[in-house]
Structures are given as structure tokens and as C-alpha cells.
Amino acid sequence: MQGERRRRPSLSLPILRRSRDQHRDGTLTLGNLLSALGETSFGWAIVLFSLLTLLPLPPGSSLITGLPVLVTTLQMVLGFPHVKLPGPLARLKLDHTKLRRTMARLRPITRRLERMLVRRYEGMLAPKHERTLGLALFVIAFALFLPVPLSGWFPATALFIAGVGIVERDGLVVILGLLLGLASVLLTAAILTSIAISTNAMMA
């Protein structure tokens, strides 16, 4: 078993290979990359969209990059059979270099996930639980969507981990992502409360 885990392909390999090929062909868009990864999988969509929010972008960009995650998780809540991206999101062009750098930044996380990933607790990923799981992920995605200073990395990482767990059918990793997501939601709430208290004090 340990030998099999060591030979596990890198989690970033499918994304990097397909984005490289599409970049070379001049067809690298959000919709094309998602289709190449397997559009019917919400897991891949969440992995890819959470990566977008981790790209080195100007402050406040989460209002744009976080939108696809909100759309995806909302579709899970509504019981969609697969991801349906609105046209403008599907045509959104991606920067292969920035995507590759983001994957490199996440390498410490993906390396640990690769060592522990196995198919387990798959019952929580059954279709009858998909809406509940989607709701939990939607709450995390909403925390990511809010332009709160210093908080974006945590919900994005939580969504990335949960998405990997869904792709690999590892319920334990999904739970890990959800727990990290809960912590990120609490952090976001704490920051918003602090900002509100400071604003009220300044206006008093």
C-alpha cells in the first residue's frame, strides 16, 4: 500500500498538462480547462475555481474569482447533475504561468494529501448527501467571496482540499476541508465584527 501511495501521480499533473496544452493552442479558458478535466465532476470544478482565487491578483479580486465557486456550490445545493457555467465565465481566459506558480505554492499541501488519499467514507459523497455537502461548501465559498482583508487564503485552501477529496472519493479529506472551512468562516466573521466595532467607535 505504501508503495502504491508513493507512485500516486501528482494532484497538479492533470491541471498543469491540460492548461499547458491549451495555452500552447491558444484555447486556455475556464470552460475549456474544466471540460478537459471532466466537467461533470463538481470536485474538479471546486478544485479549479479555488485555485483561481489563489492567483496573485489585486485586492478585492475575490469578488470576481470567487463567483465561479459560488455558482458551482449553489448548483450542488439545487441538485444540478453537473456544472453549468454561464457563458462569460466559461470564456474567461486563464494565465498558464500564474496557474503553474499557484500550484507550486500549494505543493506542500498537495504533497501531504497525495500521501494520505484513499477511497473511504464514500457514503458521505453519495448523491443523497450532495445537496447538504453543497450547502456547507457554499457557506465557505461565500466567506471567500467577501472582500475581507487577510482572510481569502483560508477558505480557498479549504475548498481546494474538499474538492480534492470529492475527486478522489476520500470522505475523510472532504471532512478535513470542511473543518478548515468552518475555521475560515469563523475567522471571516471575527474580522468583520472587528471592522464593525472599529467603525462604530470612529463614528461615535
N, C-alpha and C. Protein backbone atom coordinates (compact mmCIF):
# COMPACT_ATOMS: atom_id res chain seq x y z
N MET A 1 0.82 -1.21 0.00
CA MET A 1 0.00 0.00 0.00
C MET A 1 0.86 1.26 0.00
N GLN A 2 1.94 1.25 0.80
CA GLN A 2 2.80 2.43 0.86
C GLN A 2 3.45 2.68 -0.49
N GLY A 3 3.86 1.57 -1.18
CA GLY A 3 4.46 1.74 -2.49
C GLY A 3 3.50 2.34 -3.48
N GLU A 4 2.19 1.91 -3.38
CA GLU A 4 1.20 2.46 -4.28
C GLU A 4 1.01 3.94 -4.04
N ARG A 5 1.05 4.36 -2.78
CA ARG A 5 0.87 5.78 -2.47
C ARG A 5 2.03 6.61 -2.99
N ARG A 6 3.25 6.04 -2.91
CA ARG A 6 4.40 6.80 -3.39
C ARG A 6 4.33 7.00 -4.90
N ARG A 7 3.71 6.05 -5.60
CA ARG A 7 3.63 6.15 -7.06
C ARG A 7 2.41 6.97 -7.52
N ARG A 8 1.62 7.45 -6.58
CA ARG A 8 0.43 8.24 -6.95
C ARG A 8 0.85 9.47 -7.76
N PRO A 9 0.23 9.68 -8.92
CA PRO A 9 0.56 10.87 -9.71
C PRO A 9 0.25 12.14 -8.93
N SER A 10 0.99 13.18 -9.23
CA SER A 10 0.77 14.45 -8.56
C SER A 10 -0.65 14.95 -8.83
N LEU A 11 -1.27 15.52 -7.81
CA LEU A 11 -2.62 16.07 -7.96
C LEU A 11 -2.65 17.22 -8.96
N SER A 12 -1.52 17.90 -9.10
CA SER A 12 -1.47 19.05 -10.00
C SER A 12 -1.24 18.66 -11.45
N LEU A 13 -0.86 17.40 -11.69
CA LEU A 13 -0.46 16.99 -13.03
C LEU A 13 -1.56 17.15 -14.07
N PRO A 14 -2.81 16.68 -13.82
CA PRO A 14 -3.85 16.86 -14.85
C PRO A 14 -4.10 18.33 -15.19
N ILE A 15 -4.10 19.19 -14.17
CA ILE A 15 -4.34 20.61 -14.41
C ILE A 15 -3.20 21.23 -15.22
N LEU A 16 -1.97 20.93 -14.81
CA LEU A 16 -0.82 21.53 -15.49
C LEU A 16 -0.69 21.03 -16.93
N ARG A 17 -0.91 19.75 -17.15
CA ARG A 17 -0.80 19.20 -18.50
C ARG A 17 -1.84 19.80 -19.44
N ARG A 18 -3.07 19.83 -18.98
CA ARG A 18 -4.15 20.32 -19.85
C ARG A 18 -4.06 21.82 -20.06
N SER A 19 -3.67 22.56 -19.02
CA SER A 19 -3.53 24.01 -19.19
C SER A 19 -2.36 24.33 -20.10
N ARG A 20 -1.29 23.53 -20.01
CA ARG A 20 -0.12 23.73 -20.90
C ARG A 20 -0.50 23.49 -22.35
N ASP A 21 -1.23 22.40 -22.60
CA ASP A 21 -1.62 22.08 -23.97
C ASP A 21 -2.55 23.15 -24.54
N GLN A 22 -3.51 23.60 -23.73
CA GLN A 22 -4.45 24.61 -24.21
C GLN A 22 -3.78 25.97 -24.36
N HIS A 23 -2.82 26.27 -23.47
CA HIS A 23 -2.06 27.51 -23.61
C HIS A 23 -1.28 27.52 -24.91
N ARG A 24 -0.69 26.38 -25.24
CA ARG A 24 0.07 26.27 -26.48
C ARG A 24 -0.83 26.44 -27.71
N ASP A 25 -2.08 25.94 -27.59
CA ASP A 25 -3.01 26.04 -28.71
C ASP A 25 -3.79 27.35 -28.71
N GLY A 26 -3.61 28.17 -27.66
CA GLY A 26 -4.33 29.43 -27.58
C GLY A 26 -5.80 29.27 -27.22
N THR A 27 -6.14 28.17 -26.52
CA THR A 27 -7.54 27.90 -26.19
C THR A 27 -7.76 27.80 -24.68
N LEU A 28 -6.83 28.33 -23.89
CA LEU A 28 -6.92 28.17 -22.44
C LEU A 28 -7.96 29.12 -21.85
N THR A 29 -9.15 28.60 -21.62
CA THR A 29 -10.21 29.33 -20.94
C THR A 29 -10.72 28.47 -19.79
N LEU A 30 -11.48 29.11 -18.91
CA LEU A 30 -12.02 28.40 -17.75
C LEU A 30 -12.90 27.23 -18.18
N GLY A 31 -13.77 27.47 -19.14
CA GLY A 31 -14.67 26.43 -19.61
C GLY A 31 -13.93 25.28 -20.28
N ASN A 32 -12.95 25.59 -21.13
CA ASN A 32 -12.19 24.55 -21.82
C ASN A 32 -11.39 23.69 -20.86
N LEU A 33 -10.77 24.33 -19.87
CA LEU A 33 -9.97 23.57 -18.92
C LEU A 33 -10.86 22.67 -18.07
N LEU A 34 -12.00 23.19 -17.65
CA LEU A 34 -12.91 22.37 -16.86
C LEU A 34 -13.43 21.18 -17.66
N SER A 35 -13.75 21.42 -18.93
CA SER A 35 -14.22 20.33 -19.78
C SER A 35 -13.15 19.26 -19.95
N ALA A 36 -11.90 19.70 -20.10
CA ALA A 36 -10.80 18.75 -20.27
C ALA A 36 -10.57 17.92 -19.01
N LEU A 37 -10.84 18.51 -17.85
CA LEU A 37 -10.64 17.79 -16.58
C LEU A 37 -11.81 16.84 -16.29
N GLY A 38 -12.96 17.11 -16.86
CA GLY A 38 -14.13 16.29 -16.57
C GLY A 38 -15.23 17.18 -16.01
N GLU A 39 -15.97 17.80 -16.88
CA GLU A 39 -16.92 18.84 -16.50
C GLU A 39 -18.02 18.32 -15.58
N THR A 40 -18.34 17.02 -15.66
CA THR A 40 -19.44 16.51 -14.85
C THR A 40 -19.06 16.35 -13.39
N SER A 41 -17.77 16.54 -13.07
CA SER A 41 -17.33 16.37 -11.69
C SER A 41 -17.32 17.72 -10.97
N PHE A 42 -18.17 17.85 -9.94
CA PHE A 42 -18.15 19.07 -9.13
C PHE A 42 -16.82 19.20 -8.40
N GLY A 43 -16.21 18.07 -8.07
CA GLY A 43 -14.93 18.10 -7.37
C GLY A 43 -13.87 18.85 -8.16
N TRP A 44 -13.72 18.52 -9.44
CA TRP A 44 -12.72 19.19 -10.27
C TRP A 44 -13.05 20.67 -10.41
N ALA A 45 -14.34 20.99 -10.53
CA ALA A 45 -14.73 22.39 -10.65
C ALA A 45 -14.32 23.17 -9.41
N ILE A 46 -14.57 22.60 -8.23
CA ILE A 46 -14.23 23.29 -6.98
C ILE A 46 -12.71 23.43 -6.85
N VAL A 47 -11.97 22.37 -7.23
CA VAL A 47 -10.50 22.44 -7.20
C VAL A 47 -10.02 23.58 -8.09
N LEU A 48 -10.50 23.61 -9.32
CA LEU A 48 -10.04 24.61 -10.28
C LEU A 48 -10.44 26.02 -9.87
N PHE A 49 -11.69 26.19 -9.44
CA PHE A 49 -12.16 27.53 -9.10
C PHE A 49 -11.49 28.06 -7.83
N SER A 50 -11.20 27.18 -6.89
CA SER A 50 -10.50 27.64 -5.69
C SER A 50 -9.07 28.07 -6.04
N LEU A 51 -8.48 27.40 -7.03
CA LEU A 51 -7.14 27.80 -7.48
C LEU A 51 -7.17 29.22 -8.06
N LEU A 52 -8.24 29.55 -8.78
CA LEU A 52 -8.35 30.89 -9.36
C LEU A 52 -8.27 31.96 -8.30
N THR A 53 -8.89 31.70 -7.15
CA THR A 53 -8.91 32.70 -6.08
C THR A 53 -7.56 32.83 -5.40
N LEU A 54 -6.67 31.85 -5.62
CA LEU A 54 -5.34 31.89 -5.02
C LEU A 54 -4.29 32.50 -5.95
N LEU A 55 -4.71 32.88 -7.16
CA LEU A 55 -3.79 33.51 -8.08
C LEU A 55 -3.35 34.87 -7.53
N PRO A 56 -2.12 35.30 -7.82
CA PRO A 56 -1.66 36.62 -7.34
C PRO A 56 -2.37 37.74 -8.09
N LEU A 57 -3.45 38.23 -7.50
CA LEU A 57 -4.28 39.25 -8.13
C LEU A 57 -4.45 40.44 -7.18
N PRO A 58 -4.90 41.59 -7.69
CA PRO A 58 -5.08 42.78 -6.83
C PRO A 58 -6.12 42.53 -5.74
N PRO A 59 -6.01 43.27 -4.62
CA PRO A 59 -7.01 43.15 -3.54
C PRO A 59 -8.42 43.40 -4.07
N GLY A 60 -9.38 42.64 -3.54
CA GLY A 60 -10.76 42.79 -3.98
C GLY A 60 -11.13 41.92 -5.16
N SER A 61 -10.14 41.21 -5.73
CA SER A 61 -10.41 40.36 -6.89
C SER A 61 -11.28 39.16 -6.55
N SER A 62 -11.38 38.84 -5.26
CA SER A 62 -12.20 37.69 -4.86
C SER A 62 -13.66 37.87 -5.24
N LEU A 63 -14.09 39.13 -5.42
CA LEU A 63 -15.47 39.38 -5.86
C LEU A 63 -15.72 38.80 -7.24
N ILE A 64 -14.64 38.67 -8.03
CA ILE A 64 -14.75 38.09 -9.37
C ILE A 64 -14.35 36.63 -9.37
N THR A 65 -13.17 36.32 -8.81
CA THR A 65 -12.67 34.95 -8.84
C THR A 65 -13.47 34.01 -7.95
N GLY A 66 -14.11 34.57 -6.91
CA GLY A 66 -14.90 33.73 -6.03
C GLY A 66 -16.27 33.40 -6.59
N LEU A 67 -16.69 34.12 -7.64
CA LEU A 67 -18.02 33.91 -8.21
C LEU A 67 -18.21 32.49 -8.78
N PRO A 68 -17.24 31.94 -9.53
CA PRO A 68 -17.44 30.57 -10.04
C PRO A 68 -17.62 29.53 -8.94
N VAL A 69 -16.95 29.72 -7.80
CA VAL A 69 -17.11 28.76 -6.70
C VAL A 69 -18.53 28.85 -6.14
N LEU A 70 -19.02 30.09 -6.00
CA LEU A 70 -20.39 30.27 -5.52
C LEU A 70 -21.39 29.62 -6.47
N VAL A 71 -21.19 29.82 -7.77
CA VAL A 71 -22.10 29.24 -8.77
C VAL A 71 -22.07 27.72 -8.69
N THR A 72 -20.87 27.15 -8.60
CA THR A 72 -20.74 25.69 -8.56
C THR A 72 -21.40 25.08 -7.33
N THR A 73 -21.09 25.64 -6.16
CA THR A 73 -21.64 25.07 -4.93
C THR A 73 -23.16 25.29 -4.86
N LEU A 74 -23.65 26.41 -5.40
CA LEU A 74 -25.09 26.65 -5.43
C LEU A 74 -25.77 25.61 -6.33
N GLN A 75 -25.12 25.26 -7.43
CA GLN A 75 -25.68 24.23 -8.31
C GLN A 75 -25.72 22.87 -7.62
N MET A 76 -24.75 22.60 -6.75
CA MET A 76 -24.81 21.38 -5.95
C MET A 76 -26.03 21.40 -5.02
N VAL A 77 -26.26 22.55 -4.38
CA VAL A 77 -27.39 22.70 -3.47
C VAL A 77 -28.71 22.49 -4.22
N LEU A 78 -28.78 22.99 -5.45
CA LEU A 78 -30.01 22.92 -6.24
C LEU A 78 -30.18 21.56 -6.92
N GLY A 79 -29.18 20.68 -6.80
CA GLY A 79 -29.31 19.34 -7.36
C GLY A 79 -28.98 19.22 -8.84
N PHE A 80 -28.18 20.13 -9.38
CA PHE A 80 -27.77 20.04 -10.78
C PHE A 80 -26.97 18.75 -10.98
N PRO A 81 -27.15 18.07 -12.13
CA PRO A 81 -26.39 16.83 -12.37
C PRO A 81 -24.91 17.08 -12.68
N HIS A 82 -24.61 18.27 -13.19
CA HIS A 82 -23.21 18.63 -13.48
C HIS A 82 -23.09 20.14 -13.53
N VAL A 83 -21.86 20.61 -13.60
CA VAL A 83 -21.60 22.05 -13.58
C VAL A 83 -22.05 22.69 -14.89
N LYS A 84 -22.75 23.81 -14.79
CA LYS A 84 -23.17 24.56 -15.96
C LYS A 84 -22.68 26.00 -15.79
N LEU A 85 -21.60 26.32 -16.47
CA LEU A 85 -21.03 27.66 -16.35
C LEU A 85 -21.75 28.65 -17.27
N PRO A 86 -22.09 29.84 -16.76
CA PRO A 86 -22.59 30.90 -17.65
C PRO A 86 -21.54 31.23 -18.70
N GLY A 87 -21.99 31.66 -19.87
CA GLY A 87 -21.08 31.93 -20.98
C GLY A 87 -19.88 32.80 -20.65
N PRO A 88 -20.07 33.97 -20.00
CA PRO A 88 -18.92 34.83 -19.69
C PRO A 88 -17.87 34.14 -18.82
N LEU A 89 -18.32 33.30 -17.87
CA LEU A 89 -17.36 32.57 -17.03
C LEU A 89 -16.64 31.50 -17.83
N ALA A 90 -17.37 30.81 -18.68
CA ALA A 90 -16.76 29.75 -19.48
C ALA A 90 -15.69 30.32 -20.42
N ARG A 91 -15.90 31.55 -20.90
CA ARG A 91 -14.97 32.15 -21.86
C ARG A 91 -13.82 32.90 -21.18
N LEU A 92 -13.82 32.92 -19.84
CA LEU A 92 -12.78 33.65 -19.11
C LEU A 92 -11.40 33.06 -19.41
N LYS A 93 -10.48 33.89 -19.91
CA LYS A 93 -9.13 33.44 -20.26
C LYS A 93 -8.28 33.30 -19.00
N LEU A 94 -7.43 32.27 -18.99
CA LEU A 94 -6.57 31.99 -17.84
C LEU A 94 -5.12 32.21 -18.21
N ASP A 95 -4.33 32.54 -17.20
CA ASP A 95 -2.88 32.73 -17.37
C ASP A 95 -2.19 31.45 -16.90
N HIS A 96 -1.62 30.73 -17.86
CA HIS A 96 -0.98 29.45 -17.54
C HIS A 96 0.18 29.62 -16.56
N THR A 97 0.96 30.68 -16.72
CA THR A 97 2.11 30.90 -15.85
C THR A 97 1.68 31.12 -14.41
N LYS A 98 0.66 31.96 -14.21
CA LYS A 98 0.17 32.21 -12.85
C LYS A 98 -0.45 30.95 -12.25
N LEU A 99 -1.13 30.17 -13.08
CA LEU A 99 -1.74 28.93 -12.61
C LEU A 99 -0.66 27.96 -12.14
N ARG A 100 0.42 27.87 -12.91
CA ARG A 100 1.52 26.97 -12.56
C ARG A 100 2.20 27.43 -11.27
N ARG A 101 2.38 28.73 -11.11
CA ARG A 101 3.01 29.25 -9.88
C ARG A 101 2.13 28.98 -8.66
N THR A 102 0.82 29.11 -8.84
CA THR A 102 -0.10 28.84 -7.73
C THR A 102 -0.02 27.37 -7.31
N MET A 103 0.03 26.47 -8.29
CA MET A 103 0.17 25.05 -7.97
C MET A 103 1.48 24.79 -7.22
N ALA A 104 2.53 25.51 -7.60
CA ALA A 104 3.81 25.35 -6.90
C ALA A 104 3.70 25.82 -5.45
N ARG A 105 2.96 26.90 -5.23
CA ARG A 105 2.76 27.40 -3.85
C ARG A 105 1.98 26.40 -3.00
N LEU A 106 1.07 25.68 -3.65
CA LEU A 106 0.25 24.71 -2.93
C LEU A 106 0.93 23.35 -2.79
N ARG A 107 2.12 23.21 -3.33
CA ARG A 107 2.78 21.90 -3.33
C ARG A 107 2.94 21.30 -1.93
N PRO A 108 3.28 22.08 -0.89
CA PRO A 108 3.35 21.47 0.45
C PRO A 108 2.04 20.82 0.89
N ILE A 109 0.91 21.41 0.49
CA ILE A 109 -0.40 20.85 0.84
C ILE A 109 -0.70 19.63 -0.01
N THR A 110 -0.49 19.74 -1.33
CA THR A 110 -0.82 18.62 -2.21
C THR A 110 0.06 17.41 -1.94
N ARG A 111 1.31 17.65 -1.55
CA ARG A 111 2.21 16.52 -1.25
C ARG A 111 1.69 15.72 -0.07
N ARG A 112 1.19 16.41 0.95
CA ARG A 112 0.63 15.71 2.11
C ARG A 112 -0.66 14.98 1.75
N LEU A 113 -1.49 15.62 0.93
CA LEU A 113 -2.74 14.99 0.52
C LEU A 113 -2.47 13.72 -0.30
N GLU A 114 -1.48 13.77 -1.17
CA GLU A 114 -1.16 12.61 -2.01
C GLU A 114 -0.76 11.41 -1.17
N ARG A 115 -0.13 11.65 -0.02
CA ARG A 115 0.31 10.54 0.83
C ARG A 115 -0.84 9.90 1.59
N MET A 116 -1.93 10.65 1.80
CA MET A 116 -2.99 10.12 2.63
C MET A 116 -4.25 9.72 1.87
N LEU A 117 -4.37 10.10 0.61
CA LEU A 117 -5.59 9.87 -0.15
C LEU A 117 -5.87 8.39 -0.40
N VAL A 118 -7.05 7.94 0.02
CA VAL A 118 -7.57 6.61 -0.32
C VAL A 118 -9.09 6.74 -0.42
N ARG A 119 -9.74 5.79 -1.04
CA ARG A 119 -11.20 5.80 -1.10
C ARG A 119 -11.74 5.32 0.24
N ARG A 120 -12.46 6.20 0.95
CA ARG A 120 -13.02 5.85 2.25
C ARG A 120 -14.16 6.81 2.58
N TYR A 121 -15.02 6.35 3.51
CA TYR A 121 -16.19 7.14 3.91
C TYR A 121 -16.94 7.70 2.70
N GLU A 122 -17.07 6.86 1.68
CA GLU A 122 -17.71 7.33 0.44
C GLU A 122 -19.20 7.57 0.61
N GLY A 123 -19.78 7.05 1.71
CA GLY A 123 -21.20 7.26 1.93
C GLY A 123 -21.57 8.72 2.00
N MET A 124 -20.67 9.55 2.58
CA MET A 124 -20.99 10.97 2.70
C MET A 124 -20.96 11.68 1.34
N LEU A 125 -20.42 11.00 0.32
CA LEU A 125 -20.36 11.59 -1.02
C LEU A 125 -21.47 11.04 -1.93
N ALA A 126 -22.37 10.25 -1.35
CA ALA A 126 -23.48 9.68 -2.13
C ALA A 126 -24.40 10.80 -2.62
N PRO A 127 -25.08 10.58 -3.75
CA PRO A 127 -25.97 11.61 -4.31
C PRO A 127 -26.98 12.17 -3.30
N LYS A 128 -27.46 11.33 -2.38
CA LYS A 128 -28.47 11.82 -1.44
C LYS A 128 -27.91 12.84 -0.46
N HIS A 129 -26.56 12.89 -0.32
CA HIS A 129 -25.94 13.86 0.58
C HIS A 129 -25.34 15.05 -0.17
N GLU A 130 -25.45 15.04 -1.49
CA GLU A 130 -24.76 16.05 -2.29
C GLU A 130 -25.25 17.47 -2.00
N ARG A 131 -26.56 17.62 -1.79
CA ARG A 131 -27.10 18.97 -1.53
C ARG A 131 -26.62 19.50 -0.18
N THR A 132 -26.56 18.63 0.82
CA THR A 132 -26.08 19.06 2.14
C THR A 132 -24.62 19.45 2.06
N LEU A 133 -23.83 18.62 1.37
CA LEU A 133 -22.41 18.94 1.19
C LEU A 133 -22.26 20.24 0.42
N GLY A 134 -23.08 20.42 -0.61
CA GLY A 134 -23.03 21.65 -1.40
C GLY A 134 -23.34 22.88 -0.56
N LEU A 135 -24.29 22.74 0.37
CA LEU A 135 -24.64 23.87 1.23
C LEU A 135 -23.46 24.26 2.13
N ALA A 136 -22.79 23.27 2.70
CA ALA A 136 -21.62 23.56 3.55
C ALA A 136 -20.53 24.24 2.73
N LEU A 137 -20.31 23.76 1.52
CA LEU A 137 -19.29 24.36 0.66
C LEU A 137 -19.70 25.75 0.19
N PHE A 138 -21.00 25.96 0.01
CA PHE A 138 -21.49 27.29 -0.40
C PHE A 138 -21.21 28.32 0.69
N VAL A 139 -21.40 27.94 1.95
CA VAL A 139 -21.12 28.86 3.06
C VAL A 139 -19.64 29.25 3.06
N ILE A 140 -18.77 28.25 2.85
CA ILE A 140 -17.33 28.53 2.80
C ILE A 140 -17.02 29.43 1.61
N ALA A 141 -17.65 29.13 0.46
CA ALA A 141 -17.42 29.93 -0.74
C ALA A 141 -17.89 31.37 -0.55
N PHE A 142 -18.96 31.56 0.22
CA PHE A 142 -19.46 32.91 0.48
C PHE A 142 -18.45 33.69 1.31
N ALA A 143 -17.81 33.00 2.29
CA ALA A 143 -16.76 33.65 3.08
C ALA A 143 -15.60 34.05 2.18
N LEU A 144 -15.32 33.21 1.18
CA LEU A 144 -14.25 33.52 0.23
C LEU A 144 -14.64 34.70 -0.65
N PHE A 145 -15.90 34.76 -1.03
CA PHE A 145 -16.38 35.80 -1.95
C PHE A 145 -16.30 37.19 -1.33
N LEU A 146 -16.48 37.27 -0.01
CA LEU A 146 -16.44 38.57 0.65
C LEU A 146 -15.03 39.15 0.60
N PRO A 147 -14.89 40.43 0.23
CA PRO A 147 -13.56 41.06 0.14
C PRO A 147 -13.03 41.46 1.51
N VAL A 148 -12.81 40.46 2.37
CA VAL A 148 -12.34 40.72 3.72
C VAL A 148 -10.81 40.59 3.74
N PRO A 149 -10.09 41.62 4.21
CA PRO A 149 -8.63 41.57 4.22
C PRO A 149 -8.10 40.38 5.03
N LEU A 150 -7.07 39.74 4.50
CA LEU A 150 -6.29 38.69 5.18
C LEU A 150 -7.03 37.37 5.39
N SER A 151 -8.24 37.23 4.82
CA SER A 151 -9.00 36.01 5.10
C SER A 151 -9.18 35.09 3.89
N GLY A 152 -8.87 35.55 2.69
CA GLY A 152 -9.18 34.80 1.48
C GLY A 152 -8.45 33.48 1.32
N TRP A 153 -7.18 33.42 1.76
CA TRP A 153 -6.38 32.22 1.57
C TRP A 153 -7.01 31.01 2.25
N PHE A 154 -7.57 31.20 3.43
CA PHE A 154 -8.05 30.06 4.23
C PHE A 154 -9.28 29.38 3.63
N PRO A 155 -10.35 30.10 3.27
CA PRO A 155 -11.48 29.41 2.64
C PRO A 155 -11.12 28.81 1.28
N ALA A 156 -10.24 29.48 0.52
CA ALA A 156 -9.83 28.94 -0.77
C ALA A 156 -9.08 27.62 -0.60
N THR A 157 -8.20 27.56 0.39
CA THR A 157 -7.46 26.32 0.66
C THR A 157 -8.41 25.23 1.14
N ALA A 158 -9.37 25.61 1.97
CA ALA A 158 -10.36 24.64 2.46
C ALA A 158 -11.17 24.06 1.31
N LEU A 159 -11.59 24.89 0.38
CA LEU A 159 -12.34 24.43 -0.77
C LEU A 159 -11.48 23.54 -1.66
N PHE A 160 -10.22 23.91 -1.82
CA PHE A 160 -9.30 23.10 -2.63
C PHE A 160 -9.18 21.70 -2.04
N ILE A 161 -8.98 21.60 -0.72
CA ILE A 161 -8.84 20.30 -0.06
C ILE A 161 -10.13 19.49 -0.19
N ALA A 162 -11.27 20.13 0.06
CA ALA A 162 -12.55 19.43 -0.06
C ALA A 162 -12.78 18.96 -1.50
N GLY A 163 -12.42 19.79 -2.46
CA GLY A 163 -12.58 19.41 -3.87
C GLY A 163 -11.73 18.21 -4.23
N VAL A 164 -10.49 18.19 -3.73
CA VAL A 164 -9.61 17.03 -3.97
C VAL A 164 -10.24 15.77 -3.37
N GLY A 165 -10.79 15.91 -2.17
CA GLY A 165 -11.44 14.77 -1.53
C GLY A 165 -12.60 14.24 -2.34
N ILE A 166 -13.38 15.14 -2.95
CA ILE A 166 -14.51 14.72 -3.79
C ILE A 166 -14.00 14.01 -5.03
N VAL A 167 -12.97 14.57 -5.68
CA VAL A 167 -12.41 13.95 -6.88
C VAL A 167 -11.90 12.54 -6.58
N GLU A 168 -11.20 12.38 -5.46
CA GLU A 168 -10.58 11.10 -5.12
C GLU A 168 -11.48 10.19 -4.29
N ARG A 169 -12.72 10.63 -4.04
CA ARG A 169 -13.69 9.83 -3.26
C ARG A 169 -13.17 9.52 -1.86
N ASP A 170 -12.52 10.51 -1.26
CA ASP A 170 -11.98 10.34 0.09
C ASP A 170 -12.77 11.23 1.04
N GLY A 171 -13.74 10.60 1.74
CA GLY A 171 -14.60 11.36 2.63
C GLY A 171 -13.86 12.01 3.78
N LEU A 172 -12.77 11.38 4.24
CA LEU A 172 -12.01 11.94 5.35
C LEU A 172 -11.34 13.25 4.95
N VAL A 173 -10.82 13.31 3.74
CA VAL A 173 -10.20 14.55 3.25
C VAL A 173 -11.26 15.63 3.06
N VAL A 174 -12.44 15.23 2.61
CA VAL A 174 -13.54 16.20 2.50
C VAL A 174 -13.87 16.78 3.87
N ILE A 175 -13.94 15.92 4.88
CA ILE A 175 -14.20 16.39 6.25
C ILE A 175 -13.11 17.35 6.70
N LEU A 176 -11.86 17.03 6.38
CA LEU A 176 -10.74 17.92 6.72
C LEU A 176 -10.93 19.29 6.09
N GLY A 177 -11.33 19.30 4.81
CA GLY A 177 -11.58 20.57 4.13
C GLY A 177 -12.72 21.34 4.76
N LEU A 178 -13.77 20.62 5.15
CA LEU A 178 -14.92 21.28 5.78
C LEU A 178 -14.55 21.87 7.14
N LEU A 179 -13.73 21.17 7.90
CA LEU A 179 -13.31 21.69 9.21
C LEU A 179 -12.46 22.95 9.04
N LEU A 180 -11.55 22.91 8.07
CA LEU A 180 -10.75 24.10 7.79
C LEU A 180 -11.65 25.23 7.30
N GLY A 181 -12.67 24.85 6.51
CA GLY A 181 -13.62 25.85 6.03
C GLY A 181 -14.40 26.49 7.16
N LEU A 182 -14.80 25.68 8.14
CA LEU A 182 -15.51 26.22 9.31
C LEU A 182 -14.63 27.21 10.05
N ALA A 183 -13.36 26.87 10.22
CA ALA A 183 -12.43 27.79 10.88
C ALA A 183 -12.30 29.09 10.09
N SER A 184 -12.28 28.98 8.75
CA SER A 184 -12.14 30.18 7.92
C SER A 184 -13.40 31.05 7.99
N VAL A 185 -14.57 30.42 8.09
CA VAL A 185 -15.82 31.17 8.23
C VAL A 185 -15.82 31.93 9.56
N LEU A 186 -15.38 31.27 10.63
CA LEU A 186 -15.30 31.92 11.93
C LEU A 186 -14.29 33.06 11.91
N LEU A 187 -13.16 32.86 11.22
CA LEU A 187 -12.16 33.92 11.10
C LEU A 187 -12.74 35.12 10.36
N THR A 188 -13.43 34.85 9.26
CA THR A 188 -14.04 35.94 8.48
C THR A 188 -15.06 36.71 9.33
N ALA A 189 -15.88 35.97 10.09
CA ALA A 189 -16.87 36.61 10.96
C ALA A 189 -16.18 37.47 12.02
N ALA A 190 -15.08 36.97 12.56
CA ALA A 190 -14.35 37.72 13.59
C ALA A 190 -13.77 39.01 13.00
N ILE A 191 -13.23 38.93 11.79
CA ILE A 191 -12.66 40.12 11.15
C ILE A 191 -13.75 41.14 10.85
N LEU A 192 -14.89 40.66 10.34
CA LEU A 192 -16.00 41.57 10.04
C LEU A 192 -16.52 42.24 11.32
N THR A 193 -16.59 41.47 12.40
CA THR A 193 -17.05 42.03 13.68
C THR A 193 -16.08 43.09 14.17
N SER A 194 -14.79 42.80 14.04
CA SER A 194 -13.77 43.76 14.46
C SER A 194 -13.85 45.05 13.65
N ILE A 195 -14.06 44.91 12.34
CA ILE A 195 -14.18 46.09 11.48
C ILE A 195 -15.40 46.91 11.87
N ALA A 196 -16.52 46.20 12.13
CA ALA A 196 -17.75 46.90 12.50
C ALA A 196 -17.59 47.65 13.82
N ILE A 197 -16.93 47.03 14.80
CA ILE A 197 -16.73 47.66 16.11
C ILE A 197 -15.83 48.89 15.96
N SER A 198 -14.76 48.75 15.15
CA SER A 198 -13.85 49.87 14.92
C SER A 198 -14.54 51.03 14.23
N THR A 199 -15.40 50.69 13.25
CA THR A 199 -16.13 51.74 12.50
C THR A 199 -17.09 52.49 13.42
N ASN A 200 -17.81 51.72 14.24
CA ASN A 200 -18.73 52.36 15.20
C ASN A 200 -18.02 53.25 16.20
N ALA A 201 -16.83 52.79 16.63
CA ALA A 201 -16.06 53.58 17.59
C ALA A 201 -15.59 54.89 16.97
N MET A 202 -15.21 54.83 15.68
CA MET A 202 -14.73 56.03 14.99
C MET A 202 -15.88 57.03 14.76
N MET A 203 -17.09 56.50 14.57
CA MET A 203 -18.23 57.36 14.27
C MET A 203 -18.89 57.90 15.53
N ALA A 204 -18.56 57.27 16.68
CA ALA A 204 -19.20 57.69 17.95
C ALA A 204 -18.67 59.05 18.38
